[in-house]
N, C-alpha and C. Protein backbone atom coordinates (compact mmCIF):
# COMPACT_ATOMS: atom_id res chain seq x y z
N MET A 1 17.57 -44.19 -107.63
CA MET A 1 17.64 -43.30 -106.50
C MET A 1 19.10 -42.88 -106.27
N LEU A 2 19.30 -41.59 -106.07
CA LEU A 2 20.64 -41.08 -105.84
C LEU A 2 21.12 -41.42 -104.44
N LYS A 3 22.36 -41.85 -104.36
CA LYS A 3 22.96 -42.13 -103.06
C LYS A 3 23.49 -40.82 -102.47
N PRO A 4 23.23 -40.56 -101.18
CA PRO A 4 23.75 -39.32 -100.57
C PRO A 4 25.28 -39.31 -100.59
N ASP A 5 25.83 -38.11 -100.64
CA ASP A 5 27.29 -38.01 -100.63
C ASP A 5 27.81 -38.46 -99.26
N PRO A 6 29.09 -38.85 -99.19
CA PRO A 6 29.65 -39.37 -97.93
C PRO A 6 29.56 -38.39 -96.76
N LEU A 7 29.75 -37.09 -97.00
CA LEU A 7 29.68 -36.13 -95.90
C LEU A 7 28.27 -36.07 -95.32
N THR A 8 27.26 -36.04 -96.18
CA THR A 8 25.88 -36.03 -95.70
C THR A 8 25.60 -37.27 -94.87
N GLU A 9 26.09 -38.42 -95.33
CA GLU A 9 25.91 -39.66 -94.58
C GLU A 9 26.59 -39.57 -93.21
N GLN A 10 27.82 -39.03 -93.17
CA GLN A 10 28.54 -38.89 -91.90
C GLN A 10 27.80 -37.97 -90.95
N LEU A 11 27.34 -36.84 -91.47
CA LEU A 11 26.63 -35.88 -90.62
C LEU A 11 25.31 -36.46 -90.11
N THR A 12 24.59 -37.15 -90.97
CA THR A 12 23.32 -37.76 -90.56
C THR A 12 23.56 -38.83 -89.49
N GLU A 13 24.61 -39.62 -89.69
CA GLU A 13 24.97 -40.66 -88.72
C GLU A 13 25.33 -40.03 -87.37
N LEU A 14 26.17 -39.00 -87.40
CA LEU A 14 26.56 -38.31 -86.16
C LEU A 14 25.36 -37.70 -85.45
N CYS A 15 24.53 -37.01 -86.20
CA CYS A 15 23.37 -36.35 -85.59
C CYS A 15 22.39 -37.35 -85.01
N SER A 16 22.23 -38.49 -85.67
CA SER A 16 21.38 -39.55 -85.13
C SER A 16 21.95 -40.07 -83.81
N LEU A 17 23.25 -40.26 -83.77
CA LEU A 17 23.94 -40.72 -82.56
C LEU A 17 23.76 -39.74 -81.40
N LEU A 18 23.77 -38.45 -81.70
CA LEU A 18 23.75 -37.40 -80.67
C LEU A 18 22.37 -36.79 -80.44
N ALA A 19 21.35 -37.34 -81.04
CA ALA A 19 20.02 -36.72 -81.05
C ALA A 19 19.45 -36.43 -79.67
N ASP A 20 19.86 -37.15 -78.65
CA ASP A 20 19.33 -36.92 -77.30
C ASP A 20 20.02 -35.77 -76.57
N TYR A 21 20.98 -35.13 -77.21
CA TYR A 21 21.78 -34.09 -76.56
C TYR A 21 21.62 -32.75 -77.26
N GLN A 22 22.04 -31.70 -76.58
CA GLN A 22 21.95 -30.36 -77.15
C GLN A 22 23.26 -30.05 -77.87
N PHE A 23 23.18 -29.94 -79.19
CA PHE A 23 24.35 -29.71 -80.03
C PHE A 23 23.89 -29.11 -81.35
N GLY A 24 24.86 -28.68 -82.14
CA GLY A 24 24.59 -28.22 -83.49
C GLY A 24 25.83 -28.34 -84.34
N VAL A 25 25.64 -28.52 -85.64
CA VAL A 25 26.72 -28.60 -86.61
C VAL A 25 26.93 -27.21 -87.18
N GLY A 26 28.19 -26.80 -87.28
CA GLY A 26 28.49 -25.49 -87.85
C GLY A 26 29.77 -25.54 -88.65
N GLY A 27 30.52 -24.44 -88.61
CA GLY A 27 31.81 -24.35 -89.27
C GLY A 27 31.73 -24.54 -90.76
N SER A 28 32.74 -25.19 -91.32
CA SER A 28 32.80 -25.33 -92.77
C SER A 28 31.70 -26.24 -93.30
N CYS A 29 31.17 -27.15 -92.47
CA CYS A 29 30.03 -27.98 -92.92
C CYS A 29 28.80 -27.10 -93.14
N LEU A 30 28.58 -26.15 -92.23
CA LEU A 30 27.46 -25.23 -92.39
C LEU A 30 27.65 -24.38 -93.66
N LEU A 31 28.87 -23.88 -93.87
CA LEU A 31 29.14 -23.10 -95.08
C LEU A 31 28.93 -23.94 -96.33
N TRP A 32 29.29 -25.21 -96.27
CA TRP A 32 29.06 -26.14 -97.38
C TRP A 32 27.57 -26.30 -97.63
N GLN A 33 26.80 -26.49 -96.55
CA GLN A 33 25.36 -26.67 -96.67
C GLN A 33 24.70 -25.42 -97.27
N LEU A 34 25.26 -24.25 -96.97
CA LEU A 34 24.72 -22.99 -97.50
C LEU A 34 25.21 -22.70 -98.92
N GLY A 35 26.12 -23.54 -99.44
CA GLY A 35 26.65 -23.34 -100.78
C GLY A 35 27.79 -22.34 -100.85
N LEU A 36 28.45 -22.08 -99.71
CA LEU A 36 29.52 -21.08 -99.67
C LEU A 36 30.92 -21.67 -99.81
N VAL A 37 31.08 -22.95 -99.57
CA VAL A 37 32.36 -23.63 -99.78
C VAL A 37 32.11 -24.95 -100.49
N ALA A 38 33.11 -25.39 -101.25
CA ALA A 38 32.97 -26.62 -102.03
C ALA A 38 33.16 -27.87 -101.19
N LYS A 39 34.09 -27.80 -100.22
CA LYS A 39 34.41 -28.99 -99.43
C LYS A 39 34.79 -28.59 -98.01
N PRO A 40 34.06 -29.09 -97.02
CA PRO A 40 34.40 -28.78 -95.63
C PRO A 40 35.74 -29.37 -95.22
N THR A 41 36.41 -28.68 -94.31
CA THR A 41 37.69 -29.17 -93.82
C THR A 41 37.53 -30.22 -92.72
N ASP A 42 36.49 -30.08 -91.90
CA ASP A 42 36.22 -31.02 -90.82
C ASP A 42 34.77 -30.82 -90.39
N ILE A 43 34.39 -31.52 -89.35
CA ILE A 43 33.04 -31.39 -88.80
C ILE A 43 33.16 -30.66 -87.47
N ASP A 44 32.52 -29.50 -87.36
CA ASP A 44 32.52 -28.72 -86.13
C ASP A 44 31.20 -28.92 -85.41
N LEU A 45 31.27 -29.39 -84.18
CA LEU A 45 30.09 -29.56 -83.34
C LEU A 45 30.22 -28.65 -82.13
N VAL A 46 29.16 -27.92 -81.84
CA VAL A 46 29.10 -27.12 -80.62
C VAL A 46 28.02 -27.75 -79.77
N CYS A 47 28.29 -27.86 -78.48
CA CYS A 47 27.31 -28.44 -77.57
C CYS A 47 27.30 -27.66 -76.26
N THR A 48 26.36 -28.01 -75.40
CA THR A 48 26.34 -27.39 -74.07
C THR A 48 27.44 -28.01 -73.23
N GLU A 49 27.92 -27.26 -72.26
CA GLU A 49 28.95 -27.80 -71.37
C GLU A 49 28.42 -29.00 -70.61
N ASP A 50 27.13 -29.00 -70.29
CA ASP A 50 26.52 -30.12 -69.56
C ASP A 50 26.58 -31.43 -70.36
N HIS A 51 26.55 -31.34 -71.69
CA HIS A 51 26.51 -32.55 -72.52
C HIS A 51 27.86 -32.91 -73.14
N PHE A 52 28.88 -32.12 -72.88
CA PHE A 52 30.19 -32.34 -73.50
C PHE A 52 30.75 -33.73 -73.19
N ALA A 53 30.74 -34.14 -71.95
CA ALA A 53 31.33 -35.44 -71.56
C ALA A 53 30.56 -36.60 -72.19
N GLN A 54 29.23 -36.51 -72.19
CA GLN A 54 28.42 -37.59 -72.78
C GLN A 54 28.65 -37.69 -74.29
N ILE A 55 28.70 -36.55 -74.96
CA ILE A 55 28.92 -36.56 -76.41
C ILE A 55 30.32 -37.08 -76.72
N SER A 56 31.31 -36.67 -75.95
CA SER A 56 32.67 -37.19 -76.14
C SER A 56 32.69 -38.71 -76.00
N ALA A 57 32.03 -39.23 -74.99
CA ALA A 57 31.98 -40.68 -74.77
C ALA A 57 31.28 -41.39 -75.93
N LEU A 58 30.20 -40.82 -76.43
CA LEU A 58 29.50 -41.43 -77.56
C LEU A 58 30.39 -41.47 -78.80
N LEU A 59 31.13 -40.40 -79.04
CA LEU A 59 32.04 -40.37 -80.19
C LEU A 59 33.12 -41.43 -80.06
N ILE A 60 33.67 -41.57 -78.86
CA ILE A 60 34.70 -42.60 -78.63
C ILE A 60 34.12 -43.99 -78.86
N ASN A 61 32.91 -44.23 -78.35
CA ASN A 61 32.25 -45.53 -78.55
C ASN A 61 31.93 -45.79 -80.01
N ALA A 62 31.79 -44.72 -80.81
CA ALA A 62 31.49 -44.86 -82.24
C ALA A 62 32.76 -44.98 -83.09
N GLY A 63 33.92 -45.11 -82.44
CA GLY A 63 35.15 -45.33 -83.18
C GLY A 63 36.01 -44.11 -83.40
N TYR A 64 35.63 -42.98 -82.81
CA TYR A 64 36.46 -41.78 -82.91
C TYR A 64 37.51 -41.81 -81.80
N GLN A 65 38.71 -41.38 -82.12
CA GLN A 65 39.78 -41.33 -81.13
C GLN A 65 40.15 -39.87 -80.89
N THR A 66 40.37 -39.53 -79.62
CA THR A 66 40.80 -38.17 -79.33
C THR A 66 42.22 -37.98 -79.82
N GLN A 67 42.48 -36.81 -80.35
CA GLN A 67 43.79 -36.45 -80.88
C GLN A 67 44.28 -35.21 -80.15
N GLN A 68 45.55 -35.20 -79.82
CA GLN A 68 46.14 -34.01 -79.22
C GLN A 68 46.51 -33.04 -80.34
N ILE A 69 46.11 -31.79 -80.17
CA ILE A 69 46.53 -30.76 -81.10
C ILE A 69 47.11 -29.61 -80.28
N PRO A 70 48.03 -28.86 -80.85
CA PRO A 70 48.63 -27.76 -80.09
C PRO A 70 47.58 -26.74 -79.66
N SER A 71 47.70 -26.27 -78.45
CA SER A 71 46.74 -25.26 -77.99
C SER A 71 47.22 -23.88 -78.40
N ASP A 72 46.27 -22.99 -78.59
CA ASP A 72 46.55 -21.61 -78.97
C ASP A 72 46.21 -20.76 -77.76
N PRO A 73 47.13 -19.92 -77.28
CA PRO A 73 46.85 -19.11 -76.10
C PRO A 73 45.69 -18.14 -76.28
N MET A 74 45.30 -17.91 -77.53
CA MET A 74 44.17 -17.02 -77.80
C MET A 74 42.84 -17.67 -77.38
N TYR A 75 42.77 -18.99 -77.44
CA TYR A 75 41.52 -19.68 -77.16
C TYR A 75 41.35 -19.94 -75.67
N ALA A 76 40.18 -19.60 -75.17
CA ALA A 76 39.84 -19.82 -73.77
C ALA A 76 38.58 -20.67 -73.65
N THR A 77 38.33 -21.46 -74.68
CA THR A 77 37.15 -22.32 -74.70
C THR A 77 37.19 -23.29 -73.53
N ALA A 78 36.07 -23.42 -72.85
CA ALA A 78 36.01 -24.25 -71.64
C ALA A 78 36.30 -25.72 -71.92
N LYS A 79 35.72 -26.26 -72.99
CA LYS A 79 35.86 -27.68 -73.29
C LYS A 79 36.06 -27.86 -74.79
N PHE A 80 37.08 -28.62 -75.15
CA PHE A 80 37.39 -28.87 -76.55
C PHE A 80 38.03 -30.23 -76.70
N ASN A 81 37.55 -31.00 -77.67
CA ASN A 81 38.19 -32.26 -78.05
C ASN A 81 38.25 -32.32 -79.56
N HIS A 82 39.39 -32.80 -80.06
CA HIS A 82 39.56 -33.05 -81.49
C HIS A 82 39.56 -34.56 -81.66
N PHE A 83 38.68 -35.06 -82.51
CA PHE A 83 38.54 -36.50 -82.74
C PHE A 83 38.88 -36.82 -84.18
N ARG A 84 39.37 -38.03 -84.39
CA ARG A 84 39.57 -38.54 -85.75
C ARG A 84 39.06 -39.96 -85.78
N HIS A 85 38.34 -40.27 -86.85
CA HIS A 85 37.82 -41.62 -87.06
C HIS A 85 38.80 -42.40 -87.92
N ALA A 86 38.82 -43.71 -87.77
CA ALA A 86 39.72 -44.55 -88.56
C ALA A 86 39.51 -44.34 -90.06
N GLU A 87 38.29 -43.98 -90.46
CA GLU A 87 37.99 -43.73 -91.87
C GLU A 87 38.43 -42.34 -92.32
N GLY A 88 39.09 -41.58 -91.41
CA GLY A 88 39.62 -40.28 -91.78
C GLY A 88 38.78 -39.09 -91.39
N ARG A 89 37.58 -39.31 -90.89
CA ARG A 89 36.74 -38.19 -90.50
C ARG A 89 37.31 -37.48 -89.28
N SER A 90 37.24 -36.16 -89.29
CA SER A 90 37.74 -35.34 -88.19
C SER A 90 36.59 -34.53 -87.60
N VAL A 91 36.49 -34.53 -86.28
CA VAL A 91 35.43 -33.81 -85.59
C VAL A 91 36.04 -32.95 -84.49
N ASP A 92 35.67 -31.67 -84.47
CA ASP A 92 36.01 -30.79 -83.35
C ASP A 92 34.75 -30.58 -82.54
N LEU A 93 34.80 -30.94 -81.26
CA LEU A 93 33.68 -30.77 -80.34
C LEU A 93 34.03 -29.65 -79.37
N MET A 94 33.16 -28.64 -79.30
CA MET A 94 33.43 -27.45 -78.48
C MET A 94 32.24 -27.14 -77.59
N ALA A 95 32.55 -26.66 -76.39
CA ALA A 95 31.52 -26.17 -75.46
C ALA A 95 32.12 -25.01 -74.68
N GLY A 96 31.33 -23.98 -74.45
CA GLY A 96 31.84 -22.83 -73.72
C GLY A 96 32.89 -22.07 -74.52
N ILE A 97 32.59 -21.78 -75.78
CA ILE A 97 33.54 -21.13 -76.68
C ILE A 97 33.90 -19.74 -76.16
N ALA A 98 35.19 -19.47 -76.10
CA ALA A 98 35.68 -18.17 -75.63
C ALA A 98 37.06 -17.90 -76.24
N VAL A 99 37.34 -16.61 -76.45
CA VAL A 99 38.59 -16.17 -77.06
C VAL A 99 39.17 -15.03 -76.23
N ARG A 100 40.49 -15.09 -76.02
CA ARG A 100 41.20 -14.00 -75.33
C ARG A 100 41.63 -12.97 -76.37
N LYS A 101 41.36 -11.70 -76.08
CA LYS A 101 41.81 -10.63 -76.95
C LYS A 101 41.93 -9.36 -76.12
N ASP A 102 43.09 -8.73 -76.21
CA ASP A 102 43.34 -7.47 -75.49
C ASP A 102 43.01 -7.59 -74.00
N ASN A 103 43.51 -8.64 -73.38
CA ASN A 103 43.33 -8.88 -71.93
C ASN A 103 41.87 -9.05 -71.50
N THR A 104 41.01 -9.38 -72.43
CA THR A 104 39.62 -9.70 -72.08
C THR A 104 39.27 -11.04 -72.71
N ILE A 105 38.27 -11.67 -72.13
CA ILE A 105 37.78 -12.92 -72.68
C ILE A 105 36.39 -12.66 -73.25
N ASN A 106 36.25 -12.94 -74.55
CA ASN A 106 34.97 -12.80 -75.24
C ASN A 106 34.36 -14.17 -75.43
N ARG A 107 33.12 -14.30 -75.02
CA ARG A 107 32.45 -15.61 -75.03
C ARG A 107 31.33 -15.66 -76.06
N PHE A 108 31.10 -16.86 -76.54
CA PHE A 108 29.96 -17.14 -77.40
C PHE A 108 28.96 -17.94 -76.58
N ALA A 109 27.74 -17.46 -76.51
CA ALA A 109 26.68 -18.18 -75.79
C ALA A 109 25.94 -19.09 -76.76
N PHE A 110 26.09 -20.39 -76.57
CA PHE A 110 25.40 -21.37 -77.42
C PHE A 110 23.95 -21.49 -76.99
N HIS A 111 23.05 -21.34 -77.96
CA HIS A 111 21.61 -21.48 -77.73
C HIS A 111 21.09 -22.63 -78.59
N PRO A 112 21.04 -23.84 -78.03
CA PRO A 112 20.64 -25.00 -78.84
C PRO A 112 19.23 -24.87 -79.41
N GLU A 113 18.39 -24.07 -78.77
CA GLU A 113 17.02 -23.91 -79.27
C GLU A 113 16.99 -23.18 -80.63
N ARG A 114 18.08 -22.54 -81.01
CA ARG A 114 18.15 -21.87 -82.32
C ARG A 114 18.52 -22.84 -83.44
N CYS A 115 19.05 -24.00 -83.07
CA CYS A 115 19.44 -24.98 -84.09
C CYS A 115 18.20 -25.56 -84.74
N ARG A 116 18.35 -25.95 -86.01
CA ARG A 116 17.23 -26.48 -86.78
C ARG A 116 17.63 -27.79 -87.45
N TRP A 117 16.75 -28.76 -87.28
CA TRP A 117 16.96 -30.05 -87.94
C TRP A 117 16.48 -29.96 -89.37
N GLN A 118 17.33 -30.42 -90.28
CA GLN A 118 16.97 -30.47 -91.69
C GLN A 118 17.57 -31.73 -92.29
N ASP A 119 16.72 -32.60 -92.81
CA ASP A 119 17.17 -33.84 -93.45
C ASP A 119 18.09 -34.66 -92.54
N GLY A 120 17.74 -34.72 -91.25
CA GLY A 120 18.49 -35.54 -90.31
C GLY A 120 19.75 -34.92 -89.75
N ILE A 121 19.97 -33.63 -90.04
CA ILE A 121 21.17 -32.94 -89.55
C ILE A 121 20.74 -31.73 -88.73
N CYS A 122 21.36 -31.56 -87.57
CA CYS A 122 21.04 -30.45 -86.67
C CYS A 122 22.01 -29.29 -86.95
N TRP A 123 21.53 -28.29 -87.69
CA TRP A 123 22.37 -27.16 -88.12
C TRP A 123 22.27 -25.99 -87.16
N MET A 124 23.40 -25.38 -86.89
CA MET A 124 23.41 -24.12 -86.15
C MET A 124 23.03 -23.00 -87.10
N PRO A 125 22.50 -21.90 -86.58
CA PRO A 125 22.15 -20.78 -87.46
C PRO A 125 23.41 -20.08 -88.00
N PRO A 126 23.36 -19.63 -89.25
CA PRO A 126 24.51 -18.91 -89.83
C PRO A 126 24.92 -17.69 -88.99
N ALA A 127 23.97 -16.98 -88.41
CA ALA A 127 24.31 -15.79 -87.61
C ALA A 127 25.15 -16.16 -86.40
N ASP A 128 24.92 -17.33 -85.82
CA ASP A 128 25.74 -17.77 -84.69
C ASP A 128 27.17 -18.04 -85.14
N TRP A 129 27.33 -18.67 -86.31
CA TRP A 129 28.69 -18.93 -86.79
C TRP A 129 29.38 -17.65 -87.24
N LEU A 130 28.61 -16.67 -87.68
CA LEU A 130 29.20 -15.37 -87.98
C LEU A 130 29.85 -14.82 -86.71
N HIS A 131 29.13 -14.91 -85.58
CA HIS A 131 29.67 -14.45 -84.30
C HIS A 131 30.92 -15.24 -83.91
N ILE A 132 30.89 -16.55 -84.06
CA ILE A 132 32.05 -17.38 -83.71
C ILE A 132 33.24 -17.01 -84.58
N TYR A 133 33.03 -16.89 -85.87
CA TYR A 133 34.13 -16.52 -86.77
C TYR A 133 34.68 -15.13 -86.45
N GLN A 134 33.81 -14.21 -86.02
CA GLN A 134 34.29 -12.89 -85.59
C GLN A 134 35.19 -13.04 -84.37
N LEU A 135 34.78 -13.85 -83.40
CA LEU A 135 35.60 -14.08 -82.21
C LEU A 135 36.97 -14.66 -82.58
N PHE A 136 36.98 -15.60 -83.52
CA PHE A 136 38.22 -16.28 -83.90
C PHE A 136 39.06 -15.46 -84.89
N GLY A 137 38.56 -14.30 -85.31
CA GLY A 137 39.31 -13.47 -86.24
C GLY A 137 39.42 -14.07 -87.63
N ARG A 138 38.43 -14.81 -88.06
CA ARG A 138 38.43 -15.46 -89.37
C ARG A 138 37.75 -14.55 -90.40
N SER A 139 38.46 -13.53 -90.85
CA SER A 139 37.87 -12.46 -91.68
C SER A 139 37.27 -12.97 -92.99
N GLU A 140 37.88 -13.96 -93.63
CA GLU A 140 37.32 -14.48 -94.88
C GLU A 140 35.96 -15.13 -94.63
N ARG A 141 35.88 -15.91 -93.56
CA ARG A 141 34.61 -16.57 -93.22
C ARG A 141 33.56 -15.54 -92.80
N VAL A 142 33.97 -14.52 -92.07
CA VAL A 142 33.05 -13.45 -91.67
C VAL A 142 32.47 -12.79 -92.91
N ALA A 143 33.31 -12.48 -93.88
CA ALA A 143 32.85 -11.83 -95.11
C ALA A 143 31.87 -12.73 -95.86
N GLN A 144 32.17 -14.03 -95.95
CA GLN A 144 31.28 -14.97 -96.64
C GLN A 144 29.90 -14.99 -95.98
N LEU A 145 29.89 -15.12 -94.67
CA LEU A 145 28.61 -15.21 -93.97
C LEU A 145 27.85 -13.89 -93.98
N ARG A 146 28.55 -12.78 -93.86
CA ARG A 146 27.87 -11.48 -93.94
C ARG A 146 27.18 -11.33 -95.28
N GLN A 147 27.89 -11.63 -96.35
CA GLN A 147 27.31 -11.52 -97.69
C GLN A 147 26.10 -12.44 -97.83
N TYR A 148 26.22 -13.68 -97.34
CA TYR A 148 25.11 -14.62 -97.39
C TYR A 148 23.89 -14.08 -96.64
N LEU A 149 24.11 -13.57 -95.43
CA LEU A 149 23.00 -13.08 -94.62
C LEU A 149 22.36 -11.84 -95.23
N VAL A 150 23.14 -10.96 -95.83
CA VAL A 150 22.58 -9.79 -96.51
C VAL A 150 21.72 -10.24 -97.68
N GLN A 151 22.23 -11.18 -98.49
CA GLN A 151 21.45 -11.68 -99.62
C GLN A 151 20.18 -12.38 -99.16
N LEU A 152 20.27 -13.09 -98.05
CA LEU A 152 19.09 -13.77 -97.50
C LEU A 152 18.04 -12.75 -97.09
N ARG A 153 18.46 -11.68 -96.40
CA ARG A 153 17.53 -10.62 -96.00
C ARG A 153 16.91 -9.93 -97.20
N LEU A 154 17.74 -9.62 -98.20
CA LEU A 154 17.24 -8.95 -99.40
C LEU A 154 16.24 -9.84 -100.13
N GLY A 155 16.53 -11.13 -100.18
CA GLY A 155 15.61 -12.07 -100.82
C GLY A 155 14.29 -12.19 -100.10
N SER A 156 14.30 -12.05 -98.78
CA SER A 156 13.05 -12.16 -98.02
C SER A 156 12.21 -10.89 -98.13
N LEU A 157 12.82 -9.78 -98.58
CA LEU A 157 12.09 -8.52 -98.73
C LEU A 157 11.37 -8.44 -100.07
N SER A 158 11.79 -9.25 -101.02
CA SER A 158 11.16 -9.16 -102.35
C SER A 158 9.96 -10.05 -102.49
């Protein structure tokens, strides 16, 4: 029997820990799951603002430590914590995602009901991360996800 790779084990462990809360895994882990990147940079979790404090506490109890990172004046996200585990795992937990641009604040509305569990991992939809990457101005990621979604649509038409 094949042993799961370490990232899959980490994600499954995290999702099991957080299963009672509204959250989803996205970012480079989602791109990795879709076959668009070879290795994720970190684990991105989006949750509801109502569950942010509870999820943060669970992560701390599971051995994750909050880390201070420089803030970017472009980001207006309501709640954000960057965690690192002693084993080197890094988790960004976000709720109320928002970005300042041209004197306006653009928000991403998280809809946990769109997330789908697959093999013990709660994945956010690629279209939601396309929106988030557009807000953050991540043009390379936007292009990757657009191409993936177009190919997915074309494949469903045949």
